[in-house]
Amino acid sequence: MCPDLSLSTSLPKRQDAVLLGMASINKDEPALVGTSPELDKAYQKTFGVTVAAMATAVGAVAKQGTVKALPALDGTRLFVVGLGDADVTPDVVRTATGNGLRAIAGQEGVEKLSVAVSLELSDPELIQAAGEGALLGAYRFAPLKAEADPVAVHLVTLVSPVTNAAAKDAVATAAIVSEAVYQARNWTNTPPNLLYPESFANAARAFLKDQKVTVEVLDEKALEKGGYGGILAVGGGSSRAPRLVRMSYAPRGATAHLALVGKGITFDSGGLDIKPAGQMAGMKYDMSGAAAVIAAVQAIAAAGLNVKVTAYAAMAENLPSGTSYRSGDVLTMFDGQTVENYNTDAEGRLVMADAIARAGQDSPDLIVDVATLTGACMVALGLRTGGLITNGEETSDLLLDAAEAAGEDFWELPLTEHMRNQLKSTVADMRSGGSNRWGGALVAGAFLERFVPEGVSWAHLDIAGPAENVEEAYGCTPKGGTGVAVRTLVALAGQLAGR
């Protein structure tokens, strides 16, 4: 459960923990950020020194990524997080508060803490970043135990001298976005025996029920009737039939129309081209794109952004059986194009192609698809950076600006004629992959591009690397499912809505 978030002009009198900052000023001179005369007076009375002096004594520094605990004051624990240079950016604040709240929430035996974040937040962008960092840093996936673990943090208060309408809007946005990211993380962390196409579709409907979002779920009969050859082929090997979830948010007066498409492979064994055991363990995360899209739609609607959004989550379980599709099969896709399948472990592009083609029928201004699509993207960009492929420079700029504002890392990859030519087939309109292993992320992007209607702007986000954090937690990113792309998609919708 996402903690509550509030705004205050001063440090609340009774808090379980207070997060302060240490910044570097005047040629690397450290300075404590966020303390108050009242706090200093109480600290001097108890310990004989100011909070700043104690922070220096215990080794608190301005270096980003550092967190130091100070002696408690009347039951209130004080923590100091490194901010780096005093001229902080929203991303620095988001990361720092994430580090601080992870440290606070990670204490042994804590539950239902109230935490004040006092970092001299002076403008709405910094307030929103601090709110997101704090809430996302406090995230813990609830283990599936007979007796649930207690919630570590239940309330975060941001201390700021600014409490005007813009500041309050920033707090509200941070809470909405963080709740959406929490849900995306929870879905991606859920074991695949509990989250499969039907249950995932039901969960999406339940999550959106309180918003002005119309939800339609296409089951296997509707998919067959509609000609969704890619989704049906991928899901054909499992006893759990595929689903396509269509979501529509259409506020009155919206002038821009954004289409979102998410990959929802609830478990990917590789199909008949089965994965090695070591590569199969993390394949519950192969639905991260769909989780991000569904969560983003909820946040966009909850924030009341004035942009029309039509979204599709293509859900299937890719398993080997007597009814599995094969390498070499020719599939007829939703838009009538035929595809020579080259590998049953390249299933994501097939379900995405059907959903992108369907999204194109809604006449959007921009289609953005999100998928844990290729290991090749991870080889190229590592585990923390997603790939971006688009069909136009303006679209690239728009997506990169949204990602920067959201504090998520994407890097643009090229789409060349050479890669497009890798898809030539002698038995169908195209192959689903190239004739060699090189440039796999680019070939996959070129394949998806074939299903984008002519004249429609399109962007592809390959989140194969950052969707799961297999290393230690950092900033506001936990170990496990990260909920990556939710913040970028919400920021993008905000740009299109003129906010």
Protein backbone atom coordinates (compact mmCIF):
# COMPACT_ATOMS: atom_id res chain seq x y z
CA MET A 1 0.00 0.00 0.00
CA CYS A 2 1.34 3.42 -0.97
CA PRO A 3 1.83 5.76 2.03
CA ASP A 4 -0.22 8.92 2.34
CA LEU A 5 1.51 12.14 1.30
CA SER A 6 0.96 15.60 2.80
CA LEU A 7 2.49 19.07 2.73
CA SER A 8 3.45 21.27 5.71
CA THR A 9 5.17 24.62 6.18
CA SER A 10 7.07 23.38 9.24
CA LEU A 11 8.35 20.18 10.77
CA PRO A 12 5.48 18.36 12.50
CA LYS A 13 6.01 18.12 16.25
CA ARG A 14 5.72 14.36 16.49
CA GLN A 15 7.30 12.20 13.80
CA ASP A 16 8.90 8.78 13.92
CA ALA A 17 11.65 9.93 11.56
CA VAL A 18 12.89 13.12 9.93
CA LEU A 19 14.93 13.20 6.73
CA LEU A 20 17.34 16.13 6.37
CA GLY A 21 19.92 16.81 3.66
CA MET A 22 23.60 17.63 3.37
CA ALA A 23 24.66 19.81 0.43
CA SER A 24 27.96 21.14 -0.79
CA ILE A 25 28.40 24.94 -0.94
CA ASN A 26 31.27 27.43 -1.08
CA LYS A 27 33.92 25.18 -2.60
CA ASP A 28 32.78 21.89 -1.15
CA GLU A 29 31.90 23.20 2.30
CA PRO A 30 29.13 20.94 3.67
CA ALA A 31 25.91 22.51 4.89
CA LEU A 32 22.95 20.87 6.60
CA VAL A 33 19.66 21.39 4.78
CA GLY A 34 16.20 21.35 6.37
CA THR A 35 16.77 21.69 10.10
CA SER A 36 14.81 24.25 12.14
CA PRO A 37 15.55 26.49 15.15
CA GLU A 38 13.15 24.42 17.25
CA LEU A 39 14.85 21.16 16.29
CA ASP A 40 18.31 22.61 16.95
CA LYS A 41 17.24 23.93 20.35
CA ALA A 42 15.84 20.56 21.39
CA TYR A 43 18.92 18.75 20.08
CA GLN A 44 21.29 21.06 21.95
CA LYS A 45 19.31 20.60 25.13
CA THR A 46 19.58 16.81 24.88
CA PHE A 47 23.03 16.31 23.31
CA GLY A 48 24.79 19.63 23.82
CA VAL A 49 25.37 20.19 20.09
CA THR A 50 23.38 21.36 17.10
CA VAL A 51 21.97 18.91 14.57
CA ALA A 52 24.59 20.09 12.06
CA ALA A 53 27.43 19.43 14.49
CA MET A 54 26.10 15.97 15.26
CA ALA A 55 25.70 15.23 11.55
CA THR A 56 29.35 16.13 10.99
CA ALA A 57 30.42 14.09 14.02
CA VAL A 58 28.74 10.89 12.77
CA GLY A 59 30.21 11.32 9.28
CA ALA A 60 27.33 12.71 7.25
CA VAL A 61 28.58 14.10 3.92
CA ALA A 62 27.13 15.78 0.85
CA LYS A 63 28.06 12.94 -1.49
CA GLN A 64 25.02 11.68 -3.38
CA GLY A 65 23.89 8.21 -2.37
CA THR A 66 24.97 8.51 1.24
CA VAL A 67 22.61 8.22 4.22
CA LYS A 68 23.61 8.63 7.88
CA ALA A 69 21.48 8.06 10.96
CA LEU A 70 21.78 10.48 13.88
CA PRO A 71 20.93 9.75 17.54
CA ALA A 72 17.19 9.79 18.16
CA LEU A 73 15.54 12.76 19.83
CA ASP A 74 12.59 11.85 22.09
CA GLY A 75 11.86 8.81 19.94
CA THR A 76 12.34 10.62 16.62
CA ARG A 77 15.13 9.24 14.44
CA LEU A 78 17.02 11.77 12.30
CA PHE A 79 18.59 10.81 8.97
CA VAL A 80 20.83 12.90 6.72
CA VAL A 81 20.99 12.18 3.00
CA GLY A 82 23.66 13.46 0.61
CA LEU A 83 22.39 15.95 -2.00
CA GLY A 84 25.63 16.76 -3.79
CA ASP A 85 25.79 20.35 -5.01
CA ALA A 86 23.40 22.81 -3.37
CA ASP A 87 21.86 23.64 -6.78
CA VAL A 88 19.86 20.42 -6.92
CA THR A 89 17.74 19.11 -9.79
CA PRO A 90 14.44 17.23 -9.47
CA ASP A 91 16.19 13.98 -10.33
CA VAL A 92 18.78 14.51 -7.57
CA VAL A 93 16.01 15.21 -5.07
CA ARG A 94 13.99 12.19 -6.21
CA THR A 95 17.02 9.91 -5.88
CA ALA A 96 18.09 11.35 -2.52
CA THR A 97 14.66 11.02 -0.92
CA GLY A 98 14.45 7.52 -2.32
CA ASN A 99 17.74 6.64 -0.65
CA GLY A 100 16.58 8.19 2.61
CA LEU A 101 13.21 6.46 2.75
CA ARG A 102 14.75 3.10 1.85
CA ALA A 103 17.06 3.48 4.84
CA ILE A 104 14.20 4.50 7.13
CA ALA A 105 11.81 1.79 5.95
CA GLY A 106 14.59 -0.79 6.06
CA GLN A 107 15.14 -0.54 9.81
CA GLU A 108 14.53 -3.72 11.75
CA GLY A 109 11.04 -4.10 13.16
CA VAL A 110 9.58 -0.76 12.04
CA GLU A 111 5.93 -0.40 11.13
CA LYS A 112 3.49 2.39 10.24
CA LEU A 113 6.10 5.11 10.52
CA SER A 114 5.30 8.78 9.98
CA VAL A 115 8.22 10.47 8.21
CA ALA A 116 8.92 14.15 7.58
CA VAL A 117 11.09 15.10 4.59
CA SER A 118 12.70 18.51 5.16
CA LEU A 119 14.98 19.50 2.29
CA GLU A 120 14.05 23.19 1.77
CA LEU A 121 11.85 22.35 -1.22
CA SER A 122 11.19 25.64 -2.94
CA ASP A 123 9.31 24.95 -6.15
CA PRO A 124 6.65 22.52 -7.44
CA GLU A 125 9.05 20.42 -9.52
CA LEU A 126 11.23 19.73 -6.49
CA ILE A 127 8.18 19.06 -4.33
CA GLN A 128 6.82 16.50 -6.80
CA ALA A 129 10.24 14.86 -7.16
CA ALA A 130 10.66 14.62 -3.39
CA GLY A 131 7.19 13.15 -3.00
CA GLU A 132 7.79 10.54 -5.68
CA GLY A 133 11.23 9.67 -4.34
CA ALA A 134 9.95 9.28 -0.79
CA LEU A 135 6.91 7.16 -1.65
CA LEU A 136 8.73 5.00 -4.16
CA GLY A 137 11.70 4.59 -1.84
CA ALA A 138 9.37 3.33 0.88
CA TYR A 139 7.97 0.60 -1.41
CA ARG A 140 8.09 -2.97 -0.18
CA PHE A 141 6.48 -5.90 -2.00
CA ALA A 142 4.29 -7.71 0.50
CA PRO A 143 5.53 -11.32 0.64
CA LEU A 144 2.87 -13.99 0.18
CA LYS A 145 2.79 -15.23 3.77
CA ALA A 146 0.07 -16.66 5.96
CA GLU A 147 0.47 -13.58 8.15
CA ALA A 148 1.12 -10.33 6.28
CA ASP A 149 4.14 -8.20 7.13
CA PRO A 150 3.32 -4.78 8.65
CA VAL A 151 3.55 -1.67 6.49
CA ALA A 152 6.84 0.10 7.20
CA VAL A 153 5.79 3.67 6.33
CA HIS A 154 2.22 4.93 6.28
CA LEU A 155 2.63 8.73 6.13
CA VAL A 156 5.15 11.06 4.49
CA THR A 157 5.02 14.82 5.12
CA LEU A 158 6.93 17.14 2.81
CA VAL A 159 8.13 20.31 4.53
CA SER A 160 8.14 23.35 2.26
CA PRO A 161 7.73 27.10 2.65
CA VAL A 162 5.63 27.00 -0.51
CA THR A 163 2.06 25.79 -0.09
CA ASN A 164 0.29 27.52 -2.98
CA ALA A 165 -1.97 25.77 -5.49
CA ALA A 166 0.97 24.69 -7.66
CA ALA A 167 2.68 23.07 -4.68
CA LYS A 168 -0.49 21.26 -3.68
CA ASP A 169 -0.94 20.06 -7.26
CA ALA A 170 2.64 18.76 -7.19
CA VAL A 171 1.91 16.75 -4.04
CA ALA A 172 -1.30 15.36 -5.55
CA THR A 173 0.52 14.38 -8.76
CA ALA A 174 3.33 12.70 -6.82
CA ALA A 175 0.79 10.66 -4.86
CA ILE A 176 -1.14 9.63 -7.98
CA VAL A 177 1.96 8.67 -9.96
CA SER A 178 3.48 6.78 -7.04
CA GLU A 179 0.31 4.79 -6.45
CA ALA A 180 0.35 3.78 -10.11
CA VAL A 181 4.00 2.73 -9.92
CA TYR A 182 3.23 0.72 -6.76
CA GLN A 183 0.56 -1.20 -8.65
CA ALA A 184 2.83 -1.85 -11.62
CA ARG A 185 5.54 -3.13 -9.26
CA ASN A 186 3.08 -5.32 -7.39
CA TRP A 187 1.83 -6.91 -10.61
CA THR A 188 5.32 -7.57 -11.95
CA ASN A 189 6.39 -9.11 -8.63
CA THR A 190 3.37 -11.44 -8.48
CA PRO A 191 4.18 -15.11 -9.18
CA PRO A 192 2.99 -16.36 -12.60
CA ASN A 193 0.73 -19.06 -11.14
CA LEU A 194 -1.29 -16.22 -9.60
CA LEU A 195 -1.05 -13.68 -12.43
CA TYR A 196 -2.03 -15.11 -15.82
CA PRO A 197 -3.97 -13.54 -18.71
CA GLU A 198 -7.46 -13.92 -17.27
CA SER A 199 -6.55 -12.89 -13.71
CA PHE A 200 -4.38 -10.02 -15.01
CA ALA A 201 -7.25 -8.72 -17.13
CA ASN A 202 -9.60 -8.92 -14.13
CA ALA A 203 -7.07 -7.11 -11.96
CA ALA A 204 -6.75 -4.36 -14.56
CA ARG A 205 -10.50 -3.88 -14.66
CA ALA A 206 -10.67 -3.70 -10.85
CA PHE A 207 -7.81 -1.20 -10.67
CA LEU A 208 -9.52 1.13 -13.15
CA LYS A 209 -13.06 0.84 -11.84
CA ASP A 210 -13.02 4.13 -9.91
CA GLN A 211 -11.80 6.17 -12.88
CA LYS A 212 -13.60 7.46 -15.97
CA VAL A 213 -12.03 4.70 -18.04
CA THR A 214 -13.97 2.28 -20.21
CA VAL A 215 -12.53 -1.23 -20.08
CA GLU A 216 -13.19 -3.98 -22.62
CA VAL A 217 -11.67 -7.45 -22.32
CA LEU A 218 -11.43 -9.64 -25.42
CA ASP A 219 -11.28 -13.35 -24.55
CA GLU A 220 -10.06 -16.11 -26.86
CA LYS A 221 -13.36 -16.29 -28.75
CA ALA A 222 -13.39 -12.55 -29.39
CA LEU A 223 -9.72 -12.67 -30.40
CA GLU A 224 -10.42 -15.42 -32.90
CA LYS A 225 -13.40 -13.56 -34.30
CA GLY A 226 -11.31 -10.40 -34.59
CA GLY A 227 -8.42 -12.11 -36.37
CA TYR A 228 -5.71 -11.54 -33.77
CA GLY A 229 -3.37 -14.16 -35.19
CA GLY A 230 -0.29 -13.10 -33.24
CA ILE A 231 -1.87 -13.10 -29.78
CA LEU A 232 -3.67 -16.38 -30.42
CA ALA A 233 -0.53 -18.09 -31.72
CA VAL A 234 1.58 -17.07 -28.73
CA GLY A 235 -1.09 -18.04 -26.21
CA GLY A 236 -2.06 -21.25 -27.97
CA GLY A 237 0.33 -23.48 -26.06
CA SER A 238 -1.11 -22.66 -22.64
CA SER A 239 -4.27 -23.92 -20.97
CA ARG A 240 -4.73 -20.31 -19.82
CA ALA A 241 -6.15 -18.51 -22.84
CA PRO A 242 -4.88 -15.06 -23.94
CA ARG A 243 -6.63 -11.75 -23.44
CA LEU A 244 -6.54 -8.29 -24.97
CA VAL A 245 -7.57 -5.47 -22.64
CA ARG A 246 -8.72 -2.23 -24.27
CA MET A 247 -8.91 0.89 -22.11
CA SER A 248 -10.37 4.24 -23.16
CA TYR A 249 -10.13 7.58 -21.36
CA ALA A 250 -11.79 10.41 -23.27
CA PRO A 251 -12.16 13.67 -21.32
CA ARG A 252 -14.35 16.33 -22.87
CA GLY A 253 -12.40 18.91 -24.85
CA ALA A 254 -9.23 16.86 -25.34
CA THR A 255 -7.48 17.71 -28.59
CA ALA A 256 -4.62 15.19 -28.51
CA HIS A 257 -5.08 11.43 -28.78
CA LEU A 258 -2.43 9.13 -27.33
CA ALA A 259 -2.47 5.36 -27.88
CA LEU A 260 -0.52 3.11 -25.51
CA VAL A 261 0.31 -0.56 -26.11
CA GLY A 262 1.84 -2.87 -23.50
CA LYS A 263 3.32 -6.35 -23.71
CA GLY A 264 1.70 -8.66 -21.17
CA ILE A 265 3.41 -12.05 -21.43
CA THR A 266 2.60 -13.32 -17.94
CA PHE A 267 5.21 -16.04 -18.26
CA ASP A 268 7.62 -16.73 -21.09
CA SER A 269 9.13 -20.20 -21.26
CA GLY A 270 10.29 -19.53 -24.81
CA GLY A 271 7.66 -21.88 -26.20
CA LEU A 272 9.02 -24.75 -28.27
CA ASP A 273 12.29 -22.80 -28.59
CA ILE A 274 12.51 -23.20 -24.85
CA LYS A 275 14.77 -21.01 -22.76
CA PRO A 276 17.64 -22.42 -20.68
CA ALA A 277 16.63 -22.82 -17.03
CA GLY A 278 18.80 -19.91 -15.88
CA GLN A 279 17.09 -17.52 -18.29
CA MET A 280 13.55 -18.66 -17.47
CA ALA A 281 13.49 -17.79 -13.77
CA GLY A 282 12.74 -14.10 -14.23
CA MET A 283 10.17 -14.45 -16.95
CA LYS A 284 7.26 -13.41 -14.73
CA TYR A 285 8.53 -9.87 -15.46
CA ASP A 286 7.68 -10.24 -19.16
CA MET A 287 4.36 -8.49 -18.55
CA SER A 288 5.99 -5.30 -17.28
CA GLY A 289 5.01 -3.32 -20.37
CA ALA A 290 1.32 -4.08 -19.90
CA ALA A 291 1.58 -3.32 -16.18
CA ALA A 292 3.13 0.07 -16.98
CA VAL A 293 0.45 0.94 -19.54
CA ILE A 294 -2.48 -0.03 -17.32
CA ALA A 295 -1.02 1.81 -14.34
CA ALA A 296 -0.28 4.89 -16.46
CA VAL A 297 -3.87 5.02 -17.74
CA GLN A 298 -5.13 4.97 -14.16
CA ALA A 299 -2.78 7.79 -13.17
CA ILE A 300 -3.64 9.90 -16.23
CA ALA A 301 -7.35 9.58 -15.48
CA ALA A 302 -6.89 10.16 -11.73
CA ALA A 303 -4.91 13.33 -12.47
CA GLY A 304 -7.65 14.51 -14.85
CA LEU A 305 -5.20 15.20 -17.67
CA ASN A 306 -6.99 16.63 -20.69
CA VAL A 307 -5.73 14.15 -23.27
CA LYS A 308 -7.59 11.27 -24.89
CA VAL A 309 -5.91 7.93 -24.20
CA THR A 310 -6.70 4.60 -25.78
CA ALA A 311 -4.61 1.74 -24.45
CA TYR A 312 -4.14 -1.95 -25.16
CA ALA A 313 -2.59 -4.64 -22.97
CA ALA A 314 -1.85 -7.82 -24.93
CA MET A 315 -1.78 -10.73 -22.47
CA ALA A 316 -0.66 -14.29 -23.14
CA GLU A 317 1.32 -17.11 -21.53
CA ASN A 318 4.00 -18.59 -23.80
CA LEU A 319 4.31 -22.30 -22.97
CA PRO A 320 5.29 -25.46 -24.92
CA SER A 321 2.61 -28.07 -25.63
CA GLY A 322 0.98 -29.96 -28.47
CA THR A 323 -0.94 -26.83 -29.40
CA SER A 324 2.04 -24.47 -29.40
CA TYR A 325 2.93 -22.46 -32.46
CA ARG A 326 6.19 -23.33 -34.18
CA SER A 327 9.21 -21.74 -35.79
CA GLY A 328 8.41 -21.58 -39.48
CA ASP A 329 4.66 -21.09 -39.01
CA VAL A 330 3.04 -18.39 -41.12
CA LEU A 331 0.64 -16.28 -39.07
CA THR A 332 -2.05 -13.92 -40.34
CA MET A 333 -2.02 -10.84 -38.15
CA PHE A 334 -4.87 -8.54 -37.14
CA ASP A 335 -4.29 -6.15 -40.05
CA GLY A 336 -4.07 -8.97 -42.61
CA GLN A 337 -0.30 -9.00 -43.04
CA THR A 338 1.33 -12.43 -42.92
CA VAL A 339 4.38 -13.21 -40.80
CA GLU A 340 6.85 -16.08 -41.09
CA ASN A 341 7.68 -16.86 -37.46
CA TYR A 342 11.38 -17.37 -36.94
CA ASN A 343 11.53 -18.19 -33.22
CA THR A 344 8.83 -18.97 -30.65
CA ASP A 345 10.91 -17.11 -28.05
CA ALA A 346 10.39 -13.89 -30.01
CA GLU A 347 6.74 -13.90 -29.01
CA GLY A 348 6.47 -10.39 -27.64
CA ARG A 349 6.65 -8.68 -31.02
CA LEU A 350 3.78 -10.85 -32.29
CA VAL A 351 1.30 -9.89 -29.57
CA MET A 352 2.47 -6.27 -29.80
CA ALA A 353 2.02 -6.22 -33.58
CA ASP A 354 -1.62 -7.22 -33.26
CA ALA A 355 -2.25 -4.63 -30.56
CA ILE A 356 -0.41 -1.85 -32.43
CA ALA A 357 -2.40 -2.57 -35.58
CA ARG A 358 -5.63 -2.45 -33.56
CA ALA A 359 -4.57 0.80 -31.89
CA GLY A 360 -4.01 2.27 -35.33
CA GLN A 361 -7.70 1.86 -36.12
CA ASP A 362 -8.50 4.36 -33.35
CA SER A 363 -6.77 7.14 -35.37
CA PRO A 364 -4.43 8.34 -32.61
CA ASP A 365 -1.91 11.14 -33.03
CA LEU A 366 0.81 9.07 -31.38
CA ILE A 367 1.27 5.38 -30.58
CA VAL A 368 3.72 4.44 -27.82
CA ASP A 369 4.40 0.78 -27.16
CA VAL A 370 6.17 -0.54 -24.07
CA ALA A 371 7.70 -4.00 -23.90
CA THR A 372 10.39 -6.14 -22.32
CA LEU A 373 11.19 -7.03 -25.89
CA THR A 374 14.81 -8.02 -26.49
CA GLY A 375 17.85 -9.28 -24.66
CA ALA A 376 19.81 -7.44 -27.35
CA CYS A 377 18.70 -4.13 -25.87
CA MET A 378 20.10 -5.23 -22.51
CA VAL A 379 23.40 -6.13 -24.16
CA ALA A 380 23.53 -2.69 -25.79
CA LEU A 381 22.32 -0.48 -22.93
CA GLY A 382 22.71 -2.49 -19.73
CA LEU A 383 20.21 -3.03 -16.95
CA ARG A 384 19.20 0.53 -16.08
CA THR A 385 18.62 2.16 -19.47
CA GLY A 386 15.70 1.46 -21.78
CA GLY A 387 15.84 1.67 -25.55
CA LEU A 388 13.83 4.15 -27.64
CA ILE A 389 13.01 3.72 -31.32
CA THR A 390 10.74 6.15 -33.17
CA ASN A 391 9.66 7.06 -36.68
CA GLY A 392 10.40 10.77 -36.39
CA GLU A 393 12.71 13.29 -34.75
CA GLU A 394 9.88 15.27 -33.14
CA THR A 395 8.54 12.09 -31.56
CA SER A 396 12.00 11.23 -30.24
CA ASP A 397 12.36 14.66 -28.67
CA LEU A 398 8.91 14.39 -27.10
CA LEU A 399 9.62 11.01 -25.51
CA LEU A 400 13.10 11.93 -24.32
CA ASP A 401 11.79 15.14 -22.75
CA ALA A 402 9.08 13.18 -20.94
CA ALA A 403 11.60 10.61 -19.71
CA GLU A 404 13.94 13.32 -18.45
CA ALA A 405 11.12 15.07 -16.60
CA ALA A 406 10.12 11.75 -15.05
CA GLY A 407 13.65 10.83 -14.04
CA GLU A 408 13.74 7.66 -16.16
CA ASP A 409 16.62 6.76 -18.45
CA PHE A 410 16.05 5.99 -22.15
CA TRP A 411 18.51 6.07 -25.04
CA GLU A 412 17.51 6.44 -28.67
CA LEU A 413 18.48 3.64 -31.06
CA PRO A 414 18.52 3.97 -34.87
CA LEU A 415 16.06 2.44 -37.32
CA THR A 416 17.83 1.87 -40.63
CA GLU A 417 16.88 0.48 -44.03
CA HIS A 418 19.45 -2.25 -43.55
CA MET A 419 17.58 -3.46 -40.46
CA ARG A 420 14.23 -3.18 -42.19
CA ASN A 421 15.56 -5.38 -44.98
CA GLN A 422 16.38 -8.12 -42.47
CA LEU A 423 12.65 -8.90 -42.35
CA LYS A 424 12.32 -10.10 -45.94
CA SER A 425 10.59 -13.46 -46.35
CA THR A 426 10.10 -15.78 -49.31
CA VAL A 427 6.88 -17.29 -47.94
CA ALA A 428 5.08 -14.37 -46.25
CA ASP A 429 4.89 -10.59 -46.17
CA MET A 430 7.74 -10.56 -43.66
CA ARG A 431 9.76 -12.56 -41.17
CA SER A 432 9.42 -11.81 -37.47
CA GLY A 433 13.21 -11.64 -37.07
CA GLY A 434 16.47 -11.29 -38.96
CA SER A 435 18.69 -13.90 -40.52
CA ASN A 436 21.44 -13.35 -37.93
CA ARG A 437 21.73 -12.35 -34.27
CA TRP A 438 23.15 -8.87 -34.77
CA GLY A 439 21.14 -5.76 -33.96
CA GLY A 440 18.24 -7.73 -32.52
CA ALA A 441 16.65 -4.75 -30.77
CA LEU A 442 16.68 -2.78 -34.00
CA VAL A 443 15.21 -5.64 -36.04
CA ALA A 444 12.42 -6.00 -33.49
CA GLY A 445 11.71 -2.29 -33.75
CA ALA A 446 11.66 -2.50 -37.53
CA PHE A 447 9.13 -5.34 -37.26
CA LEU A 448 6.79 -3.36 -35.00
CA GLU A 449 7.04 -0.37 -37.32
CA ARG A 450 5.41 -2.45 -40.08
CA PHE A 451 2.14 -2.43 -38.10
CA VAL A 452 2.00 1.33 -37.49
CA PRO A 453 -0.44 3.05 -39.88
CA GLU A 454 1.18 5.39 -42.39
CA GLY A 455 1.35 8.96 -41.16
CA VAL A 456 0.97 8.10 -37.46
CA SER A 457 3.76 9.05 -35.05
CA TRP A 458 5.14 6.06 -33.16
CA ALA A 459 7.60 5.33 -30.38
CA HIS A 460 8.79 1.99 -29.04
CA LEU A 461 10.18 1.64 -25.51
CA ASP A 462 12.21 -1.52 -24.93
CA ILE A 463 12.36 -1.93 -21.14
CA ALA A 464 13.93 -5.40 -21.03
CA GLY A 465 16.81 -4.12 -18.89
CA PRO A 466 15.24 -1.74 -16.35
CA ALA A 467 11.92 -3.60 -15.83
CA GLU A 468 13.55 -5.85 -13.20
CA ASN A 469 16.31 -4.74 -10.89
CA VAL A 470 18.34 -7.88 -10.22
CA GLU A 471 20.98 -5.96 -8.27
CA GLU A 472 20.76 -4.09 -4.98
CA ALA A 473 18.15 -1.37 -4.57
CA TYR A 474 19.25 2.19 -5.37
CA GLY A 475 17.58 5.59 -5.17
CA CYS A 476 13.84 5.06 -5.37
CA THR A 477 14.28 1.80 -7.31
CA PRO A 478 13.74 -1.41 -5.32
CA LYS A 479 15.09 -4.85 -6.02
CA GLY A 480 12.65 -6.77 -8.24
CA GLY A 481 9.95 -5.15 -10.33
CA THR A 482 10.60 -1.43 -10.88
CA GLY A 483 7.44 -0.11 -12.54
CA VAL A 484 9.62 1.57 -15.15
CA ALA A 485 7.90 3.66 -17.88
CA VAL A 486 4.86 4.56 -15.77
CA ARG A 487 6.31 7.96 -14.86
CA THR A 488 7.44 8.62 -18.43
CA LEU A 489 4.02 7.80 -19.88
CA VAL A 490 2.25 10.06 -17.37
CA ALA A 491 4.71 12.87 -18.07
CA LEU A 492 4.15 12.39 -21.80
CA ALA A 493 0.37 12.61 -21.35
CA GLY A 494 0.88 15.76 -19.32
CA GLN A 495 2.92 17.31 -22.14
CA LEU A 496 0.23 16.46 -24.69
CA ALA A 497 -2.39 17.92 -22.37
CA GLY A 498 -0.44 21.16 -22.18
CA ARG A 499 0.61 20.88 -18.53
